[in-house]
Amino acid sequence: MAEIVHDFFPLMRVYKDGRIERLTGEGFVPPESDPETGLQIKDVQIDPQINLSARLYLPKNVDPVQKIPLFVYFHGGGFVIESASSPSYHKHLSMVAAEAKVVIVSVNYRLAPEYPLPIAYEDSWVALKWVTSHAEGDGHEPWLKDHADFNRVYLGGDSAGGNIAHHIAIQIGLEKLEGVKLVGIFLACPFFWGETLIDGEGGNLGAKDYVEKLWLFVNPNSSGLDDPLINPEKDPKLCSLGCEKVLVYVAGNDPLRFRGFYYKEALENSGWPGTVEVMEVKDEAHVFHLFAPQAENAMAILKKLISFLNQSKT
């Protein structure tokens, strides 16, 4: 029997012979338009040399004159599984695009361990630069050129994707993209942790051990759990977050939930001038909304997200 050297059940296993077994997140849904909602969906290549792509969603009956908000999304999966074409992300983002009437770009960044961090961050930044190149008319993607309002840009992501969305927003704050206004970011059960346990975490040391091992596996050059990439409170650039509003959702049965509240505190204490709200959903597990998208609690999150994405409509 093959010897396992890294066991990150239920995500993946790595064997002594080098074989990588992804236990979930391998499903693929083709980018077919939805006749029920009229939603148009397609996949686009951003940089074929590094196999960087994205899935785009465009709601039906978009006014060619009145542009609509743009939502750039980064999927979760611990940096090791899932893709923009996974069934759960396809379903979730189809619902968001159709209900919120926004253009969505779902980024398909490369995964660890084949491509360890910081590659996922680098890919996501390249993808964002490609998206925002359309703000000044330089890009060639008509859905973005014709329909996206670059004064109403939002980022979002769940778990590891929430971590990515946060760091891309920091980068936007530092680099100030021309012709682009990032209004807000939506973080679902974001993947943050830290070396020192905070209130609530003491009862689940197994979670810290799992997170630490996974983090050092996907980012082997990291200093550990106080690396600013996983512990925003340790980031001297936190106050540079380049948006006005942050919406975080945490799940009541998720070991990461305490970090969602702690993130709010850290942001408020950093000197960042925006507003942050944490929405807690009781009795639910980590990113449950992806696995039961039409359940009552998931629909409440969807409704909140739709309101968040449409807050700045004129």
C-alpha atoms as a PDB file:
ATOM      1  CA  MET A   1       0.000   0.000   0.000  1.00  0.00           C
ATOM      2  CA  ALA A   2       1.382   3.427  -0.983  1.00  0.00           C
ATOM      3  CA  GLU A   3       2.699   5.478   1.921  1.00  0.00           C
ATOM      4  CA  ILE A   4       0.988   8.811   2.582  1.00  0.00           C
ATOM      5  CA  VAL A   5       3.356  11.664   3.442  1.00  0.00           C
ATOM      6  CA  HIS A   6       0.783  14.478   3.601  1.00  0.00           C
ATOM      7  CA  ASP A   7      -2.836  13.796   4.528  1.00  0.00           C
ATOM      8  CA  PHE A   8      -5.104  16.809   4.222  1.00  0.00           C
ATOM      9  CA  PHE A   9      -8.396  14.923   4.282  1.00  0.00           C
ATOM     10  CA  PRO A  10     -10.983  15.853   3.009  1.00  0.00           C
ATOM     11  CA  LEU A  11      -9.017  17.952   0.489  1.00  0.00           C
ATOM     12  CA  MET A  12      -6.061  15.927  -0.766  1.00  0.00           C
ATOM     13  CA  ARG A  13      -3.329  13.399  -0.043  1.00  0.00           C
ATOM     14  CA  VAL A  14       0.266  13.270  -1.202  1.00  0.00           C
ATOM     15  CA  TYR A  15       2.055   9.909  -1.427  1.00  0.00           C
ATOM     16  CA  LYS A  16       5.716   9.056  -0.943  1.00  0.00           C
ATOM     17  CA  ASP A  17       6.088   8.269  -4.633  1.00  0.00           C
ATOM     18  CA  GLY A  18       5.062  11.869  -5.425  1.00  0.00           C
ATOM     19  CA  ARG A  19       1.508  11.080  -6.499  1.00  0.00           C
ATOM     20  CA  ILE A  20      -1.055  13.745  -5.616  1.00  0.00           C
ATOM     21  CA  GLU A  21      -4.630  12.605  -4.987  1.00  0.00           C
ATOM     22  CA  ARG A  22      -7.241  15.348  -4.887  1.00  0.00           C
ATOM     23  CA  LEU A  23     -10.210  13.944  -2.984  1.00  0.00           C
ATOM     24  CA  THR A  24     -12.749  16.547  -4.118  1.00  0.00           C
ATOM     25  CA  GLY A  25     -13.082  19.655  -6.271  1.00  0.00           C
ATOM     26  CA  GLU A  26     -12.257  17.892  -9.534  1.00  0.00           C
ATOM     27  CA  GLY A  27     -15.704  18.246 -11.110  1.00  0.00           C
ATOM     28  CA  PHE A  28     -16.147  20.292 -14.287  1.00  0.00           C
ATOM     29  CA  VAL A  29     -19.235  22.108 -15.547  1.00  0.00           C
ATOM     30  CA  PRO A  30     -19.038  23.384 -19.137  1.00  0.00           C
ATOM     31  CA  PRO A  31     -19.613  27.135 -19.593  1.00  0.00           C
ATOM     32  CA  GLU A  32     -23.083  26.748 -21.032  1.00  0.00           C
ATOM     33  CA  SER A  33     -25.575  29.588 -20.896  1.00  0.00           C
ATOM     34  CA  ASP A  34     -28.608  29.042 -18.694  1.00  0.00           C
ATOM     35  CA  PRO A  35     -31.889  29.099 -20.633  1.00  0.00           C
ATOM     36  CA  GLU A  36     -33.875  29.438 -17.410  1.00  0.00           C
ATOM     37  CA  THR A  37     -32.245  32.689 -16.272  1.00  0.00           C
ATOM     38  CA  GLY A  38     -30.933  33.877 -19.635  1.00  0.00           C
ATOM     39  CA  LEU A  39     -27.469  34.102 -18.074  1.00  0.00           C
ATOM     40  CA  GLN A  40     -24.577  33.982 -20.543  1.00  0.00           C
ATOM     41  CA  ILE A  41     -21.400  32.158 -19.465  1.00  0.00           C
ATOM     42  CA  LYS A  42     -18.048  31.648 -21.154  1.00  0.00           C
ATOM     43  CA  ASP A  43     -14.425  30.780 -20.384  1.00  0.00           C
ATOM     44  CA  VAL A  44     -11.599  33.069 -21.478  1.00  0.00           C
ATOM     45  CA  GLN A  45      -7.825  32.684 -21.600  1.00  0.00           C
ATOM     46  CA  ILE A  46      -5.947  35.429 -19.750  1.00  0.00           C
ATOM     47  CA  ASP A  47      -2.398  34.129 -20.155  1.00  0.00           C
ATOM     48  CA  PRO A  48      -2.118  30.821 -22.051  1.00  0.00           C
ATOM     49  CA  GLN A  49       1.610  30.549 -21.226  1.00  0.00           C
ATOM     50  CA  ILE A  50       0.820  29.996 -17.550  1.00  0.00           C
ATOM     51  CA  ASN A  51      -2.601  28.409 -18.151  1.00  0.00           C
ATOM     52  CA  LEU A  52      -4.366  31.326 -16.446  1.00  0.00           C
ATOM     53  CA  SER A  53      -8.039  31.611 -17.320  1.00  0.00           C
ATOM     54  CA  ALA A  54     -11.365  32.848 -15.981  1.00  0.00           C
ATOM     55  CA  ARG A  55     -15.072  32.101 -16.273  1.00  0.00           C
ATOM     56  CA  LEU A  56     -17.275  35.084 -17.128  1.00  0.00           C
ATOM     57  CA  TYR A  57     -20.959  35.542 -16.301  1.00  0.00           C
ATOM     58  CA  LEU A  58     -23.222  38.120 -17.956  1.00  0.00           C
ATOM     59  CA  PRO A  59     -26.878  38.552 -16.906  1.00  0.00           C
ATOM     60  CA  LYS A  60     -29.648  38.718 -19.510  1.00  0.00           C
ATOM     61  CA  ASN A  61     -31.134  41.920 -20.914  1.00  0.00           C
ATOM     62  CA  VAL A  62     -28.214  44.141 -19.944  1.00  0.00           C
ATOM     63  CA  ASP A  63     -28.702  47.695 -21.058  1.00  0.00           C
ATOM     64  CA  PRO A  64     -25.950  48.580 -23.567  1.00  0.00           C
ATOM     65  CA  VAL A  65     -25.866  52.125 -22.181  1.00  0.00           C
ATOM     66  CA  GLN A  66     -26.302  51.567 -18.421  1.00  0.00           C
ATOM     67  CA  LYS A  67     -23.219  49.695 -17.198  1.00  0.00           C
ATOM     68  CA  ILE A  68     -23.451  47.287 -14.272  1.00  0.00           C
ATOM     69  CA  PRO A  69     -21.203  46.423 -11.281  1.00  0.00           C
ATOM     70  CA  LEU A  70     -18.248  44.102 -11.754  1.00  0.00           C
ATOM     71  CA  PHE A  71     -17.575  41.287  -9.269  1.00  0.00           C
ATOM     72  CA  VAL A  72     -14.168  39.559  -9.467  1.00  0.00           C
ATOM     73  CA  TYR A  73     -14.243  36.261  -7.592  1.00  0.00           C
ATOM     74  CA  PHE A  74     -11.537  33.917  -6.270  1.00  0.00           C
ATOM     75  CA  HIS A  75     -12.614  30.349  -5.450  1.00  0.00           C
ATOM     76  CA  GLY A  76     -11.623  28.544  -2.257  1.00  0.00           C
ATOM     77  CA  GLY A  77     -10.224  25.098  -1.616  1.00  0.00           C
ATOM     78  CA  GLY A  78      -7.216  25.584   0.646  1.00  0.00           C
ATOM     79  CA  PHE A  79      -5.093  26.705  -2.340  1.00  0.00           C
ATOM     80  CA  VAL A  80      -4.957  23.018  -3.384  1.00  0.00           C
ATOM     81  CA  ILE A  81      -8.336  22.049  -4.895  1.00  0.00           C
ATOM     82  CA  GLU A  82     -11.314  23.422  -6.868  1.00  0.00           C
ATOM     83  CA  SER A  83     -11.491  25.610  -9.968  1.00  0.00           C
ATOM     84  CA  ALA A  84     -13.646  28.277 -11.556  1.00  0.00           C
ATOM     85  CA  SER A  85     -15.477  25.482 -13.417  1.00  0.00           C
ATOM     86  CA  SER A  86     -16.271  23.368 -10.330  1.00  0.00           C
ATOM     87  CA  PRO A  87     -20.005  22.607  -9.982  1.00  0.00           C
ATOM     88  CA  SER A  88     -20.421  24.399  -6.631  1.00  0.00           C
ATOM     89  CA  TYR A  89     -18.782  27.635  -7.842  1.00  0.00           C
ATOM     90  CA  HIS A  90     -20.587  27.525 -11.159  1.00  0.00           C
ATOM     91  CA  LYS A  91     -23.935  27.201  -9.375  1.00  0.00           C
ATOM     92  CA  HIS A  92     -23.206  29.835  -6.719  1.00  0.00           C
ATOM     93  CA  LEU A  93     -21.888  32.466  -9.120  1.00  0.00           C
ATOM     94  CA  SER A  94     -24.659  31.794 -11.637  1.00  0.00           C
ATOM     95  CA  MET A  95     -27.149  32.626  -8.891  1.00  0.00           C
ATOM     96  CA  VAL A  96     -25.243  35.774  -7.895  1.00  0.00           C
ATOM     97  CA  ALA A  97     -24.917  37.042 -11.484  1.00  0.00           C
ATOM     98  CA  ALA A  98     -28.566  36.387 -12.321  1.00  0.00           C
ATOM     99  CA  GLU A  99     -30.002  37.823  -9.093  1.00  0.00           C
ATOM    100  CA  ALA A 100     -27.616  40.742  -8.530  1.00  0.00           C
ATOM    101  CA  LYS A 101     -27.375  41.716 -12.232  1.00  0.00           C
ATOM    102  CA  VAL A 102     -23.600  42.025 -12.140  1.00  0.00           C
ATOM    103  CA  VAL A 103     -20.797  40.953 -14.471  1.00  0.00           C
ATOM    104  CA  ILE A 104     -18.683  38.268 -12.778  1.00  0.00           C
ATOM    105  CA  VAL A 105     -15.110  37.210 -13.519  1.00  0.00           C
ATOM    106  CA  SER A 106     -14.254  33.981 -11.671  1.00  0.00           C
ATOM    107  CA  VAL A 107     -10.470  33.559 -11.663  1.00  0.00           C
ATOM    108  CA  ASN A 108      -8.891  30.165 -12.304  1.00  0.00           C
ATOM    109  CA  TYR A 109      -5.526  30.560 -10.571  1.00  0.00           C
ATOM    110  CA  ARG A 110      -2.945  27.770 -10.382  1.00  0.00           C
ATOM    111  CA  LEU A 111      -2.930  25.420  -7.381  1.00  0.00           C
ATOM    112  CA  ALA A 112      -0.369  24.178  -4.875  1.00  0.00           C
ATOM    113  CA  PRO A 113       1.610  22.011  -4.408  1.00  0.00           C
ATOM    114  CA  GLU A 114       2.494  21.968  -8.119  1.00  0.00           C
ATOM    115  CA  TYR A 115       2.485  25.772  -7.971  1.00  0.00           C
ATOM    116  CA  PRO A 116       3.192  26.820  -4.366  1.00  0.00           C
ATOM    117  CA  LEU A 117       2.331  30.224  -2.954  1.00  0.00           C
ATOM    118  CA  PRO A 118       2.780  33.031  -3.782  1.00  0.00           C
ATOM    119  CA  ILE A 119       1.775  31.840  -7.294  1.00  0.00           C
ATOM    120  CA  ALA A 120      -1.976  31.938  -6.519  1.00  0.00           C
ATOM    121  CA  TYR A 121      -1.616  35.594  -5.451  1.00  0.00           C
ATOM    122  CA  GLU A 122       0.506  36.430  -8.484  1.00  0.00           C
ATOM    123  CA  ASP A 123      -1.966  34.774 -10.881  1.00  0.00           C
ATOM    124  CA  SER A 124      -4.864  36.584  -9.226  1.00  0.00           C
ATOM    125  CA  TRP A 125      -3.116  39.947  -9.598  1.00  0.00           C
ATOM    126  CA  VAL A 126      -2.339  39.246 -13.272  1.00  0.00           C
ATOM    127  CA  ALA A 127      -6.012  38.348 -13.748  1.00  0.00           C
ATOM    128  CA  LEU A 128      -7.161  41.541 -12.045  1.00  0.00           C
ATOM    129  CA  LYS A 129      -4.798  43.638 -14.179  1.00  0.00           C
ATOM    130  CA  TRP A 130      -6.238  41.947 -17.270  1.00  0.00           C
ATOM    131  CA  VAL A 131      -9.770  42.730 -16.084  1.00  0.00           C
ATOM    132  CA  THR A 132      -8.995  46.359 -15.265  1.00  0.00           C
ATOM    133  CA  SER A 133      -7.136  46.904 -18.559  1.00  0.00           C
ATOM    134  CA  HIS A 134     -10.649  47.224 -19.997  1.00  0.00           C
ATOM    135  CA  ALA A 135     -11.326  50.323 -17.882  1.00  0.00           C
ATOM    136  CA  GLU A 136      -9.357  52.504 -20.292  1.00  0.00           C
ATOM    137  CA  GLY A 137     -10.560  50.638 -23.372  1.00  0.00           C
ATOM    138  CA  ASP A 138      -7.365  48.634 -23.875  1.00  0.00           C
ATOM    139  CA  GLY A 139      -8.788  45.155 -23.330  1.00  0.00           C
ATOM    140  CA  HIS A 140     -10.499  43.034 -25.974  1.00  0.00           C
ATOM    141  CA  GLU A 141     -13.216  41.254 -23.971  1.00  0.00           C
ATOM    142  CA  PRO A 142     -16.583  42.761 -25.066  1.00  0.00           C
ATOM    143  CA  TRP A 143     -18.491  41.713 -21.944  1.00  0.00           C
ATOM    144  CA  LEU A 144     -16.103  43.811 -19.867  1.00  0.00           C
ATOM    145  CA  LYS A 145     -15.668  46.675 -22.338  1.00  0.00           C
ATOM    146  CA  ASP A 146     -19.374  47.064 -23.035  1.00  0.00           C
ATOM    147  CA  HIS A 147     -21.037  46.244 -19.728  1.00  0.00           C
ATOM    148  CA  ALA A 148     -18.714  46.539 -16.684  1.00  0.00           C
ATOM    149  CA  ASP A 149     -18.790  49.717 -14.615  1.00  0.00           C
ATOM    150  CA  PHE A 150     -15.211  50.164 -13.396  1.00  0.00           C
ATOM    151  CA  ASN A 151     -16.357  52.691 -10.816  1.00  0.00           C
ATOM    152  CA  ARG A 152     -18.307  49.883  -9.128  1.00  0.00           C
ATOM    153  CA  VAL A 153     -15.834  47.035  -8.758  1.00  0.00           C
ATOM    154  CA  TYR A 154     -16.079  44.391  -6.016  1.00  0.00           C
ATOM    155  CA  LEU A 155     -13.841  41.481  -5.077  1.00  0.00           C
ATOM    156  CA  GLY A 156     -14.999  38.316  -3.393  1.00  0.00           C
ATOM    157  CA  GLY A 157     -13.896  34.879  -2.356  1.00  0.00           C
ATOM    158  CA  ASP A 158     -14.475  32.074   0.107  1.00  0.00           C
ATOM    159  CA  SER A 159     -11.949  30.412   2.415  1.00  0.00           C
ATOM    160  CA  ALA A 160      -8.566  30.559   0.602  1.00  0.00           C
ATOM    161  CA  GLY A 161     -10.260  32.711  -2.035  1.00  0.00           C
ATOM    162  CA  GLY A 162     -11.310  35.150   0.678  1.00  0.00           C
ATOM    163  CA  ASN A 163      -7.677  35.323   1.745  1.00  0.00           C
ATOM    164  CA  ILE A 164      -6.710  36.086  -1.879  1.00  0.00           C
ATOM    165  CA  ALA A 165      -9.437  38.745  -2.269  1.00  0.00           C
ATOM    166  CA  HIS A 166      -8.153  40.505   0.862  1.00  0.00           C
ATOM    167  CA  HIS A 167      -4.570  40.589  -0.408  1.00  0.00           C
ATOM    168  CA  ILE A 168      -5.565  41.740  -3.897  1.00  0.00           C
ATOM    169  CA  ALA A 169      -7.492  44.587  -2.230  1.00  0.00           C
ATOM    170  CA  ILE A 170      -4.328  45.519  -0.288  1.00  0.00           C
ATOM    171  CA  GLN A 171      -2.418  45.543  -3.589  1.00  0.00           C
ATOM    172  CA  ILE A 172      -5.051  47.788  -5.164  1.00  0.00           C
ATOM    173  CA  GLY A 173      -4.712  50.164  -2.226  1.00  0.00           C
ATOM    174  CA  LEU A 174      -0.961  50.342  -2.754  1.00  0.00           C
ATOM    175  CA  GLU A 175      -0.936  50.597  -6.554  1.00  0.00           C
ATOM    176  CA  LYS A 176      -4.068  52.679  -7.313  1.00  0.00           C
ATOM    177  CA  LEU A 177      -5.292  51.288 -10.637  1.00  0.00           C
ATOM    178  CA  GLU A 178      -6.181  54.002 -13.136  1.00  0.00           C
ATOM    179  CA  GLY A 179      -9.870  54.334 -13.936  1.00  0.00           C
ATOM    180  CA  VAL A 180     -10.902  51.721 -11.370  1.00  0.00           C
ATOM    181  CA  LYS A 181     -12.752  52.141  -8.079  1.00  0.00           C
ATOM    182  CA  LEU A 182     -12.889  49.166  -5.741  1.00  0.00           C
ATOM    183  CA  VAL A 183     -16.015  49.740  -3.665  1.00  0.00           C
ATOM    184  CA  GLY A 184     -15.942  46.665  -1.458  1.00  0.00           C
ATOM    185  CA  ILE A 185     -14.846  43.097  -0.812  1.00  0.00           C
ATOM    186  CA  PHE A 186     -16.908  40.085   0.269  1.00  0.00           C
ATOM    187  CA  LEU A 187     -15.086  37.426   2.306  1.00  0.00           C
ATOM    188  CA  ALA A 188     -16.895  34.158   2.999  1.00  0.00           C
ATOM    189  CA  CYS A 189     -15.360  32.144   5.869  1.00  0.00           C
ATOM    190  CA  PRO A 190     -11.933  33.629   5.079  1.00  0.00           C
ATOM    191  CA  PHE A 191      -8.829  31.514   5.575  1.00  0.00           C
ATOM    192  CA  PHE A 192      -6.936  33.450   8.256  1.00  0.00           C
ATOM    193  CA  TRP A 193      -5.140  32.245  11.377  1.00  0.00           C
ATOM    194  CA  GLY A 194      -2.289  33.206  13.727  1.00  0.00           C
ATOM    195  CA  GLU A 195       0.349  31.778  16.012  1.00  0.00           C
ATOM    196  CA  THR A 196      -1.340  32.965  19.211  1.00  0.00           C
ATOM    197  CA  LEU A 197      -4.769  31.500  19.907  1.00  0.00           C
ATOM    198  CA  ILE A 198      -7.536  34.069  20.297  1.00  0.00           C
ATOM    199  CA  ASP A 199     -10.764  33.897  22.315  1.00  0.00           C
ATOM    200  CA  GLY A 200     -12.762  30.845  21.278  1.00  0.00           C
ATOM    201  CA  GLU A 201      -9.953  28.914  19.578  1.00  0.00           C
ATOM    202  CA  GLY A 202      -8.563  27.169  22.653  1.00  0.00           C
ATOM    203  CA  GLY A 203     -11.077  24.355  22.463  1.00  0.00           C
ATOM    204  CA  ASN A 204      -9.948  23.201  19.021  1.00  0.00           C
ATOM    205  CA  LEU A 205      -6.202  22.726  18.887  1.00  0.00           C
ATOM    206  CA  GLY A 206      -6.655  20.180  16.096  1.00  0.00           C
ATOM    207  CA  ALA A 207      -7.883  22.955  13.803  1.00  0.00           C
ATOM    208  CA  LYS A 208      -4.764  25.034  14.423  1.00  0.00           C
ATOM    209  CA  ASP A 209      -2.545  22.025  13.743  1.00  0.00           C
ATOM    210  CA  TYR A 210      -4.364  21.277  10.476  1.00  0.00           C
ATOM    211  CA  VAL A 211      -4.256  24.906   9.300  1.00  0.00           C
ATOM    212  CA  GLU A 212      -0.564  25.255  10.160  1.00  0.00           C
ATOM    213  CA  LYS A 213       0.420  22.068   8.338  1.00  0.00           C
ATOM    214  CA  LEU A 214      -1.662  23.003   5.295  1.00  0.00           C
ATOM    215  CA  TRP A 215      -0.297  26.555   5.258  1.00  0.00           C
ATOM    216  CA  LEU A 216       3.348  25.430   5.352  1.00  0.00           C
ATOM    217  CA  PHE A 217       2.575  22.819   2.691  1.00  0.00           C
ATOM    218  CA  VAL A 218       1.125  25.358   0.235  1.00  0.00           C
ATOM    219  CA  ASN A 219       3.646  28.064   1.185  1.00  0.00           C
ATOM    220  CA  PRO A 220       6.869  26.233   2.124  1.00  0.00           C
ATOM    221  CA  ASN A 221       8.914  29.445   2.412  1.00  0.00           C
ATOM    222  CA  SER A 222       6.490  31.011   4.894  1.00  0.00           C
ATOM    223  CA  SER A 223       7.581  32.026   8.392  1.00  0.00           C
ATOM    224  CA  GLY A 224       4.479  30.302   9.811  1.00  0.00           C
ATOM    225  CA  LEU A 225       1.092  31.360  11.129  1.00  0.00           C
ATOM    226  CA  ASP A 226       2.167  34.939  11.853  1.00  0.00           C
ATOM    227  CA  ASP A 227       3.050  35.456   8.200  1.00  0.00           C
ATOM    228  CA  PRO A 228       0.965  38.509   7.139  1.00  0.00           C
ATOM    229  CA  LEU A 229      -0.364  36.425   4.245  1.00  0.00           C
ATOM    230  CA  ILE A 230      -2.391  34.324   6.706  1.00  0.00           C
ATOM    231  CA  ASN A 231      -2.500  36.675   9.725  1.00  0.00           C
ATOM    232  CA  PRO A 232      -3.667  40.127   8.540  1.00  0.00           C
ATOM    233  CA  GLU A 233      -3.173  41.581  12.013  1.00  0.00           C
ATOM    234  CA  LYS A 234       0.602  41.227  11.486  1.00  0.00           C
ATOM    235  CA  ASP A 235       0.525  43.124   8.181  1.00  0.00           C
ATOM    236  CA  PRO A 236       1.874  46.705   8.425  1.00  0.00           C
ATOM    237  CA  LYS A 237       0.081  47.428   5.129  1.00  0.00           C
ATOM    238  CA  LEU A 238      -3.368  46.468   6.481  1.00  0.00           C
ATOM    239  CA  CYS A 239      -4.473  50.104   6.617  1.00  0.00           C
ATOM    240  CA  SER A 240      -3.879  50.325   2.841  1.00  0.00           C
ATOM    241  CA  LEU A 241      -6.854  48.069   2.028  1.00  0.00           C
ATOM    242  CA  GLY A 242      -8.071  49.681  -1.176  1.00  0.00           C
ATOM    243  CA  CYS A 243     -11.828  49.709  -0.670  1.00  0.00           C
ATOM    244  CA  GLU A 244     -14.477  51.492   1.389  1.00  0.00           C
ATOM    245  CA  LYS A 245     -16.496  48.534   2.632  1.00  0.00           C
ATOM    246  CA  VAL A 246     -15.921  44.955   3.720  1.00  0.00           C
ATOM    247  CA  LEU A 247     -18.574  42.283   4.268  1.00  0.00           C
ATOM    248  CA  VAL A 248     -17.449  39.111   6.040  1.00  0.00           C
ATOM    249  CA  TYR A 249     -19.608  36.072   6.638  1.00  0.00           C
ATOM    250  CA  VAL A 250     -18.665  33.440   9.206  1.00  0.00           C
ATOM    251  CA  ALA A 251     -20.357  30.119   9.959  1.00  0.00           C
ATOM    252  CA  GLY A 252     -21.203  29.167  13.551  1.00  0.00           C
ATOM    253  CA  ASN A 253     -19.670  25.674  13.353  1.00  0.00           C
ATOM    254  CA  ASP A 254     -16.517  26.746  11.481  1.00  0.00           C
ATOM    255  CA  PRO A 255     -13.207  26.793  13.437  1.00  0.00           C
ATOM    256  CA  LEU A 256     -12.190  29.788  11.287  1.00  0.00           C
ATOM    257  CA  ARG A 257     -15.102  31.934  12.492  1.00  0.00           C
ATOM    258  CA  PHE A 258     -13.175  33.567  15.330  1.00  0.00           C
ATOM    259  CA  ARG A 259     -10.659  34.877  12.806  1.00  0.00           C
ATOM    260  CA  GLY A 260     -13.462  36.557  10.879  1.00  0.00           C
ATOM    261  CA  PHE A 261     -14.346  38.651  13.921  1.00  0.00           C
ATOM    262  CA  TYR A 262     -10.669  39.213  14.713  1.00  0.00           C
ATOM    263  CA  TYR A 263     -10.124  40.468  11.153  1.00  0.00           C
ATOM    264  CA  LYS A 264     -12.800  43.099  11.756  1.00  0.00           C
ATOM    265  CA  GLU A 265     -11.011  44.246  14.931  1.00  0.00           C
ATOM    266  CA  ALA A 266      -7.632  44.327  13.199  1.00  0.00           C
ATOM    267  CA  LEU A 267      -9.003  46.398  10.313  1.00  0.00           C
ATOM    268  CA  GLU A 268     -10.696  48.864  12.638  1.00  0.00           C
ATOM    269  CA  ASN A 269      -7.521  49.217  14.717  1.00  0.00           C
ATOM    270  CA  SER A 270      -5.228  49.655  11.707  1.00  0.00           C
ATOM    271  CA  GLY A 271      -6.298  53.150  10.734  1.00  0.00           C
ATOM    272  CA  TRP A 272      -8.110  51.937   7.627  1.00  0.00           C
ATOM    273  CA  PRO A 273     -10.955  54.459   7.120  1.00  0.00           C
ATOM    274  CA  GLY A 274     -13.648  52.117   5.784  1.00  0.00           C
ATOM    275  CA  THR A 275     -16.461  50.119   7.375  1.00  0.00           C
ATOM    276  CA  VAL A 276     -16.508  46.382   8.000  1.00  0.00           C
ATOM    277  CA  GLU A 277     -19.471  44.172   8.870  1.00  0.00           C
ATOM    278  CA  VAL A 278     -19.408  40.561  10.027  1.00  0.00           C
ATOM    279  CA  MET A 279     -22.487  38.420   9.411  1.00  0.00           C
ATOM    280  CA  GLU A 280     -22.607  35.216  11.477  1.00  0.00           C
ATOM    281  CA  VAL A 281     -24.746  32.294  10.348  1.00  0.00           C
ATOM    282  CA  LYS A 282     -25.457  30.026  13.332  1.00  0.00           C
ATOM    283  CA  ASP A 283     -25.278  26.231  13.244  1.00  0.00           C
ATOM    284  CA  GLU A 284     -23.613  26.022   9.829  1.00  0.00           C
ATOM    285  CA  ALA A 285     -20.270  24.623   8.686  1.00  0.00           C
ATOM    286  CA  HIS A 286     -17.428  26.163   6.679  1.00  0.00           C
ATOM    287  CA  VAL A 287     -18.667  27.532   3.305  1.00  0.00           C
ATOM    288  CA  PHE A 288     -21.909  25.563   3.673  1.00  0.00           C
ATOM    289  CA  HIS A 289     -23.579  27.905   1.165  1.00  0.00           C
ATOM    290  CA  LEU A 290     -21.611  26.292  -1.674  1.00  0.00           C
ATOM    291  CA  PHE A 291     -22.957  22.822  -0.900  1.00  0.00           C
ATOM    292  CA  ALA A 292     -26.559  23.791  -0.127  1.00  0.00           C
ATOM    293  CA  PRO A 293     -27.006  26.971  -2.218  1.00  0.00           C
ATOM    294  CA  GLN A 294     -30.797  27.008  -1.990  1.00  0.00           C
ATOM    295  CA  ALA A 295     -31.075  26.329   1.739  1.00  0.00           C
ATOM    296  CA  GLU A 296     -32.682  29.075   3.809  1.00  0.00           C
ATOM    297  CA  ASN A 297     -29.437  30.264   5.420  1.00  0.00           C
ATOM    298  CA  ALA A 298     -27.585  30.214   2.106  1.00  0.00           C
ATOM    299  CA  MET A 299     -30.340  32.300   0.504  1.00  0.00           C
ATOM    300  CA  ALA A 300     -29.995  34.814   3.355  1.00  0.00           C
ATOM    301  CA  ILE A 301     -26.294  35.166   2.527  1.00  0.00           C
ATOM    302  CA  LEU A 302     -27.124  35.518  -1.171  1.00  0.00           C
ATOM    303  CA  LYS A 303     -29.639  38.258  -0.408  1.00  0.00           C
ATOM    304  CA  LYS A 304     -27.065  40.097   1.728  1.00  0.00           C
ATOM    305  CA  LEU A 305     -24.426  39.772  -1.000  1.00  0.00           C
ATOM    306  CA  ILE A 306     -26.825  41.041  -3.670  1.00  0.00           C
ATOM    307  CA  SER A 307     -27.554  44.104  -1.535  1.00  0.00           C
ATOM    308  CA  PHE A 308     -23.810  44.619  -0.976  1.00  0.00           C
ATOM    309  CA  LEU A 309     -23.041  44.465  -4.718  1.00  0.00           C
ATOM    310  CA  ASN A 310     -25.805  46.899  -5.582  1.00  0.00           C
ATOM    311  CA  GLN A 311     -25.290  49.472  -2.819  1.00  0.00           C
ATOM    312  CA  SER A 312     -23.612  52.035  -5.027  1.00  0.00           C
ATOM    313  CA  LYS A 313     -26.012  51.904  -7.968  1.00  0.00           C
ATOM    314  CA  THR A 314     -27.026  55.322  -9.193  1.00  0.00           C
END
